[in-house]
Amino acid sequence: MENRTARLTLLIDPSKKRIFEEICASQDLTPSQVVRRLIRQYILEHAQGRELPEWLRNRSSAERDSR
């Protein structure tokens, strides 16, 4: 299971942040939910043979199936 204790801080243009937050809200998602999903997708696409935890692989399969 994921351990949600790490914090990621990033700088983003204020207008992009505002638009991002508006889109997230319109989809009833928090910005954190969307960023976590993007990070998981990026890891899976660029893992290049790295050993990934089963929960990460299984979760991505469930997300693909729900689309």
PDB file of N, CA and C in Angstrom:
ATOM      1  N   MET A   1       0.845  -1.180   0.000  1.00  0.00           N
ATOM      2  CA  MET A   1       0.000   0.000   0.000  1.00  0.00           C
ATOM      3  C   MET A   1       0.890   1.244   0.000  1.00  0.00           C
ATOM      4  N   GLU A   2       0.393   2.304  -0.592  1.00  0.00           N
ATOM      5  CA  GLU A   2       1.145   3.549  -0.651  1.00  0.00           C
ATOM      6  C   GLU A   2       1.291   4.166   0.733  1.00  0.00           C
ATOM      7  N   ASN A   3       2.433   4.770   0.963  1.00  0.00           N
ATOM      8  CA  ASN A   3       2.702   5.485   2.192  1.00  0.00           C
ATOM      9  C   ASN A   3       2.678   6.971   1.858  1.00  0.00           C
ATOM     10  N   ARG A   4       1.674   7.683   2.294  1.00  0.00           N
ATOM     11  CA  ARG A   4       1.480   9.077   1.903  1.00  0.00           C
ATOM     12  C   ARG A   4       2.110  10.048   2.899  1.00  0.00           C
ATOM     13  N   THR A   5       3.401   9.925   3.100  1.00  0.00           N
ATOM     14  CA  THR A   5       4.061  10.814   4.042  1.00  0.00           C
ATOM     15  C   THR A   5       5.026  11.774   3.362  1.00  0.00           C
ATOM     16  N   ALA A   6       5.393  11.533   2.127  1.00  0.00           N
ATOM     17  CA  ALA A   6       6.351  12.398   1.439  1.00  0.00           C
ATOM     18  C   ALA A   6       5.628  13.607   0.846  1.00  0.00           C
ATOM     19  N   ARG A   7       6.326  14.716   0.819  1.00  0.00           N
ATOM     20  CA  ARG A   7       5.765  15.944   0.274  1.00  0.00           C
ATOM     21  C   ARG A   7       6.584  16.349  -0.946  1.00  0.00           C
ATOM     22  N   LEU A   8       5.906  16.766  -1.995  1.00  0.00           N
ATOM     23  CA  LEU A   8       6.549  17.248  -3.210  1.00  0.00           C
ATOM     24  C   LEU A   8       6.141  18.702  -3.399  1.00  0.00           C
ATOM     25  N   THR A   9       7.116  19.584  -3.422  1.00  0.00           N
ATOM     26  CA  THR A   9       6.847  21.004  -3.613  1.00  0.00           C
ATOM     27  C   THR A   9       7.317  21.408  -4.998  1.00  0.00           C
ATOM     28  N   LEU A  10       6.463  22.107  -5.732  1.00  0.00           N
ATOM     29  CA  LEU A  10       6.863  22.554  -7.058  1.00  0.00           C
ATOM     30  C   LEU A  10       6.393  23.969  -7.295  1.00  0.00           C
ATOM     31  N   LEU A  11       7.073  24.636  -8.204  1.00  0.00           N
ATOM     32  CA  LEU A  11       6.708  25.993  -8.578  1.00  0.00           C
ATOM     33  C   LEU A  11       5.993  25.937  -9.915  1.00  0.00           C
ATOM     34  N   ILE A  12       4.903  26.691 -10.012  1.00  0.00           N
ATOM     35  CA  ILE A  12       4.111  26.702 -11.232  1.00  0.00           C
ATOM     36  C   ILE A  12       3.587  28.117 -11.454  1.00  0.00           C
ATOM     37  N   ASP A  13       3.450  28.463 -12.699  1.00  0.00           N
ATOM     38  CA  ASP A  13       2.906  29.764 -13.065  1.00  0.00           C
ATOM     39  C   ASP A  13       1.508  29.914 -12.446  1.00  0.00           C
ATOM     40  N   PRO A  14       1.215  31.055 -11.817  1.00  0.00           N
ATOM     41  CA  PRO A  14      -0.086  31.228 -11.155  1.00  0.00           C
ATOM     42  C   PRO A  14      -1.298  31.021 -12.070  1.00  0.00           C
ATOM     43  N   SER A  15      -1.204  31.432 -13.307  1.00  0.00           N
ATOM     44  CA  SER A  15      -2.355  31.252 -14.201  1.00  0.00           C
ATOM     45  C   SER A  15      -2.569  29.775 -14.539  1.00  0.00           C
ATOM     46  N   LYS A  16      -1.485  29.024 -14.706  1.00  0.00           N
ATOM     47  CA  LYS A  16      -1.619  27.577 -14.942  1.00  0.00           C
ATOM     48  C   LYS A  16      -2.201  26.894 -13.712  1.00  0.00           C
ATOM     49  N   LYS A  17      -1.770  27.310 -12.535  1.00  0.00           N
ATOM     50  CA  LYS A  17      -2.289  26.739 -11.293  1.00  0.00           C
ATOM     51  C   LYS A  17      -3.791  26.984 -11.178  1.00  0.00           C
ATOM     52  N   ARG A  18      -4.226  28.191 -11.470  1.00  0.00           N
ATOM     53  CA  ARG A  18      -5.645  28.531 -11.385  1.00  0.00           C
ATOM     54  C   ARG A  18      -6.469  27.683 -12.339  1.00  0.00           C
ATOM     55  N   ILE A  19      -6.007  27.560 -13.589  1.00  0.00           N
ATOM     56  CA  ILE A  19      -6.719  26.752 -14.582  1.00  0.00           C
ATOM     57  C   ILE A  19      -6.743  25.288 -14.156  1.00  0.00           C
ATOM     58  N   PHE A  20      -5.608  24.781 -13.682  1.00  0.00           N
ATOM     59  CA  PHE A  20      -5.519  23.397 -13.225  1.00  0.00           C
ATOM     60  C   PHE A  20      -6.514  23.138 -12.100  1.00  0.00           C
ATOM     61  N   GLU A  21      -6.553  24.033 -11.121  1.00  0.00           N
ATOM     62  CA  GLU A  21      -7.472  23.868  -9.994  1.00  0.00           C
ATOM     63  C   GLU A  21      -8.927  23.934 -10.441  1.00  0.00           C
ATOM     64  N   GLU A  22      -9.232  24.802 -11.386  1.00  0.00           N
ATOM     65  CA  GLU A  22     -10.603  24.891 -11.913  1.00  0.00           C
ATOM     66  C   GLU A  22     -11.019  23.597 -12.601  1.00  0.00           C
ATOM     67  N   ILE A  23     -10.115  23.051 -13.405  1.00  0.00           N
ATOM     68  CA  ILE A  23     -10.420  21.802 -14.116  1.00  0.00           C
ATOM     69  C   ILE A  23     -10.579  20.657 -13.121  1.00  0.00           C
ATOM     70  N   CYS A  24      -9.694  20.578 -12.154  1.00  0.00           N
ATOM     71  CA  CYS A  24      -9.811  19.533 -11.125  1.00  0.00           C
ATOM     72  C   CYS A  24     -11.161  19.638 -10.421  1.00  0.00           C
ATOM     73  N   ALA A  25     -11.528  20.841 -10.014  1.00  0.00           N
ATOM     74  CA  ALA A  25     -12.793  21.031  -9.306  1.00  0.00           C
ATOM     75  C   ALA A  25     -13.982  20.634 -10.179  1.00  0.00           C
ATOM     76  N   SER A  26     -13.903  20.943 -11.468  1.00  0.00           N
ATOM     77  CA  SER A  26     -15.012  20.596 -12.366  1.00  0.00           C
ATOM     78  C   SER A  26     -15.171  19.087 -12.518  1.00  0.00           C
ATOM     79  N   GLN A  27     -14.112  18.335 -12.216  1.00  0.00           N
ATOM     80  CA  GLN A  27     -14.158  16.875 -12.295  1.00  0.00           C
ATOM     81  C   GLN A  27     -14.292  16.245 -10.910  1.00  0.00           C
ATOM     82  N   ASP A  28     -14.563  17.091  -9.908  1.00  0.00           N
ATOM     83  CA  ASP A  28     -14.710  16.645  -8.522  1.00  0.00           C
ATOM     84  C   ASP A  28     -13.476  15.878  -8.037  1.00  0.00           C
ATOM     85  N   LEU A  29     -12.293  16.391  -8.411  1.00  0.00           N
ATOM     86  CA  LEU A  29     -11.015  15.819  -8.002  1.00  0.00           C
ATOM     87  C   LEU A  29     -10.192  16.910  -7.340  1.00  0.00           C
ATOM     88  N   THR A  30      -9.333  16.507  -6.405  1.00  0.00           N
ATOM     89  CA  THR A  30      -8.397  17.475  -5.838  1.00  0.00           C
ATOM     90  C   THR A  30      -7.160  17.528  -6.731  1.00  0.00           C
ATOM     91  N   PRO A  31      -6.447  18.639  -6.721  1.00  0.00           N
ATOM     92  CA  PRO A  31      -5.189  18.686  -7.471  1.00  0.00           C
ATOM     93  C   PRO A  31      -4.228  17.579  -7.048  1.00  0.00           C
ATOM     94  N   SER A  32      -4.199  17.237  -5.770  1.00  0.00           N
ATOM     95  CA  SER A  32      -3.316  16.161  -5.302  1.00  0.00           C
ATOM     96  C   SER A  32      -3.681  14.824  -5.920  1.00  0.00           C
ATOM     97  N   GLN A  33      -4.972  14.530  -6.044  1.00  0.00           N
ATOM     98  CA  GLN A  33      -5.390  13.274  -6.677  1.00  0.00           C
ATOM     99  C   GLN A  33      -4.893  13.202  -8.111  1.00  0.00           C
ATOM    100  N   VAL A  34      -5.026  14.304  -8.835  1.00  0.00           N
ATOM    101  CA  VAL A  34      -4.616  14.330 -10.237  1.00  0.00           C
ATOM    102  C   VAL A  34      -3.102  14.198 -10.358  1.00  0.00           C
ATOM    103  N   VAL A  35      -2.363  14.893  -9.521  1.00  0.00           N
ATOM    104  CA  VAL A  35      -0.898  14.818  -9.577  1.00  0.00           C
ATOM    105  C   VAL A  35      -0.428  13.411  -9.233  1.00  0.00           C
ATOM    106  N   ARG A  36      -1.030  12.776  -8.210  1.00  0.00           N
ATOM    107  CA  ARG A  36      -0.648  11.403  -7.881  1.00  0.00           C
ATOM    108  C   ARG A  36      -0.904  10.468  -9.056  1.00  0.00           C
ATOM    109  N   ARG A  37      -2.039  10.639  -9.728  1.00  0.00           N
ATOM    110  CA  ARG A  37      -2.351   9.812 -10.903  1.00  0.00           C
ATOM    111  C   ARG A  37      -1.322  10.036 -12.014  1.00  0.00           C
ATOM    112  N   LEU A  38      -0.972  11.293 -12.261  1.00  0.00           N
ATOM    113  CA  LEU A  38       0.024  11.604 -13.286  1.00  0.00           C
ATOM    114  C   LEU A  38       1.382  10.983 -12.952  1.00  0.00           C
ATOM    115  N   ILE A  39       1.773  11.047 -11.681  1.00  0.00           N
ATOM    116  CA  ILE A  39       3.054  10.472 -11.275  1.00  0.00           C
ATOM    117  C   ILE A  39       3.047   8.962 -11.459  1.00  0.00           C
ATOM    118  N   ARG A  40       1.949   8.293 -11.051  1.00  0.00           N
ATOM    119  CA  ARG A  40       1.862   6.842 -11.250  1.00  0.00           C
ATOM    120  C   ARG A  40       1.982   6.487 -12.728  1.00  0.00           C
ATOM    121  N   GLN A  41       1.262   7.220 -13.582  1.00  0.00           N
ATOM    122  CA  GLN A  41       1.327   6.955 -15.026  1.00  0.00           C
ATOM    123  C   GLN A  41       2.741   7.165 -15.551  1.00  0.00           C
ATOM    124  N   TYR A  42       3.393   8.228 -15.111  1.00  0.00           N
ATOM    125  CA  TYR A  42       4.750   8.524 -15.567  1.00  0.00           C
ATOM    126  C   TYR A  42       5.713   7.412 -15.147  1.00  0.00           C
ATOM    127  N   ILE A  43       5.590   6.961 -13.900  1.00  0.00           N
ATOM    128  CA  ILE A  43       6.455   5.875 -13.417  1.00  0.00           C
ATOM    129  C   ILE A  43       6.264   4.637 -14.275  1.00  0.00           C
ATOM    130  N   LEU A  44       5.009   4.256 -14.513  1.00  0.00           N
ATOM    131  CA  LEU A  44       4.736   3.043 -15.290  1.00  0.00           C
ATOM    132  C   LEU A  44       5.248   3.153 -16.721  1.00  0.00           C
ATOM    133  N   GLU A  45       5.130   4.321 -17.317  1.00  0.00           N
ATOM    134  CA  GLU A  45       5.568   4.506 -18.703  1.00  0.00           C
ATOM    135  C   GLU A  45       7.085   4.572 -18.837  1.00  0.00           C
ATOM    136  N   HIS A  46       7.778   4.981 -17.781  1.00  0.00           N
ATOM    137  CA  HIS A  46       9.219   5.212 -17.879  1.00  0.00           C
ATOM    138  C   HIS A  46      10.046   4.353 -16.928  1.00  0.00           C
ATOM    139  N   ALA A  47       9.470   3.316 -16.368  1.00  0.00           N
ATOM    140  CA  ALA A  47      10.168   2.478 -15.385  1.00  0.00           C
ATOM    141  C   ALA A  47      11.357   1.744 -16.001  1.00  0.00           C
ATOM    142  N   GLN A  48      11.317   1.472 -17.286  1.00  0.00           N
ATOM    143  CA  GLN A  48      12.421   0.826 -18.004  1.00  0.00           C
ATOM    144  C   GLN A  48      12.954  -0.401 -17.274  1.00  0.00           C
ATOM    145  N   GLY A  49      12.061  -1.323 -16.981  1.00  0.00           N
ATOM    146  CA  GLY A  49      12.478  -2.581 -16.387  1.00  0.00           C
ATOM    147  C   GLY A  49      12.707  -2.559 -14.892  1.00  0.00           C
ATOM    148  N   ARG A  50      12.514  -1.417 -14.247  1.00  0.00           N
ATOM    149  CA  ARG A  50      12.676  -1.372 -12.794  1.00  0.00           C
ATOM    150  C   ARG A  50      11.620  -2.250 -12.127  1.00  0.00           C
ATOM    151  N   GLU A  51      11.993  -2.815 -11.009  1.00  0.00           N
ATOM    152  CA  GLU A  51      11.050  -3.598 -10.206  1.00  0.00           C
ATOM    153  C   GLU A  51      10.070  -2.630  -9.545  1.00  0.00           C
ATOM    154  N   LEU A  52       8.785  -2.807  -9.828  1.00  0.00           N
ATOM    155  CA  LEU A  52       7.762  -1.938  -9.249  1.00  0.00           C
ATOM    156  C   LEU A  52       6.926  -2.732  -8.254  1.00  0.00           C
ATOM    157  N   PRO A  53       6.470  -2.073  -7.195  1.00  0.00           N
ATOM    158  CA  PRO A  53       5.627  -2.765  -6.223  1.00  0.00           C
ATOM    159  C   PRO A  53       4.337  -3.255  -6.887  1.00  0.00           C
ATOM    160  N   GLU A  54       3.849  -4.383  -6.419  1.00  0.00           N
ATOM    161  CA  GLU A  54       2.646  -4.963  -7.015  1.00  0.00           C
ATOM    162  C   GLU A  54       1.452  -4.023  -6.904  1.00  0.00           C
ATOM    163  N   TRP A  55       1.328  -3.316  -5.767  1.00  0.00           N
ATOM    164  CA  TRP A  55       0.184  -2.415  -5.602  1.00  0.00           C
ATOM    165  C   TRP A  55       0.183  -1.310  -6.652  1.00  0.00           C
ATOM    166  N   LEU A  56       1.352  -0.907  -7.111  1.00  0.00           N
ATOM    167  CA  LEU A  56       1.426   0.121  -8.144  1.00  0.00           C
ATOM    168  C   LEU A  56       0.999  -0.452  -9.489  1.00  0.00           C
ATOM    169  N   ARG A  57       1.458  -1.635  -9.805  1.00  0.00           N
ATOM    170  CA  ARG A  57       1.068  -2.275 -11.068  1.00  0.00           C
ATOM    171  C   ARG A  57      -0.425  -2.596 -11.072  1.00  0.00           C
ATOM    172  N   ASN A  58      -0.944  -3.133  -9.979  1.00  0.00           N
ATOM    173  CA  ASN A  58      -2.366  -3.493  -9.903  1.00  0.00           C
ATOM    174  C   ASN A  58      -3.270  -2.281  -9.955  1.00  0.00           C
ATOM    175  N   ARG A  59      -2.881  -1.232  -9.292  1.00  0.00           N
ATOM    176  CA  ARG A  59      -3.699  -0.029  -9.272  1.00  0.00           C
ATOM    177  C   ARG A  59      -3.807   0.575 -10.660  1.00  0.00           C
ATOM    178  N   SER A  60      -2.716   0.557 -11.425  1.00  0.00           N
ATOM    179  CA  SER A  60      -2.749   1.122 -12.772  1.00  0.00           C
ATOM    180  C   SER A  60      -3.641   0.290 -13.679  1.00  0.00           C
ATOM    181  N   SER A  61      -3.668  -1.027 -13.494  1.00  0.00           N
ATOM    182  CA  SER A  61      -4.545  -1.880 -14.284  1.00  0.00           C
ATOM    183  C   SER A  61      -5.992  -1.570 -13.989  1.00  0.00           C
ATOM    184  N   ALA A  62      -6.320  -1.382 -12.726  1.00  0.00           N
ATOM    185  CA  ALA A  62      -7.701  -1.072 -12.348  1.00  0.00           C
ATOM    186  C   ALA A  62      -8.122   0.273 -12.921  1.00  0.00           C
ATOM    187  N   GLU A  63      -7.204   1.250 -12.937  1.00  0.00           N
ATOM    188  CA  GLU A  63      -7.528   2.556 -13.494  1.00  0.00           C
ATOM    189  C   GLU A  63      -7.777   2.460 -14.989  1.00  0.00           C
ATOM    190  N   ARG A  64      -6.971   1.666 -15.692  1.00  0.00           N
ATOM    191  CA  ARG A  64      -7.172   1.497 -17.133  1.00  0.00           C
ATOM    192  C   ARG A  64      -8.509   0.838 -17.412  1.00  0.00           C
ATOM    193  N   ASP A  65      -8.867  -0.167 -16.616  1.00  0.00           N
ATOM    194  CA  ASP A  65     -10.119  -0.885 -16.808  1.00  0.00           C
ATOM    195  C   ASP A  65     -11.336  -0.012 -16.537  1.00  0.00           C
ATOM    196  N   SER A  66     -11.191   0.996 -15.683  1.00  0.00           N
ATOM    197  CA  SER A  66     -12.335   1.841 -15.326  1.00  0.00           C
ATOM    198  C   SER A  66     -12.590   2.933 -16.358  1.00  0.00           C
ATOM    199  N   ARG A  67     -11.742   3.058 -17.346  1.00  0.00           N
ATOM    200  CA  ARG A  67     -11.926   4.123 -18.354  1.00  0.00           C
ATOM    201  C   ARG A  67     -12.914   3.720 -19.409  1.00  0.00           C
TER     202      ARG A  67
END
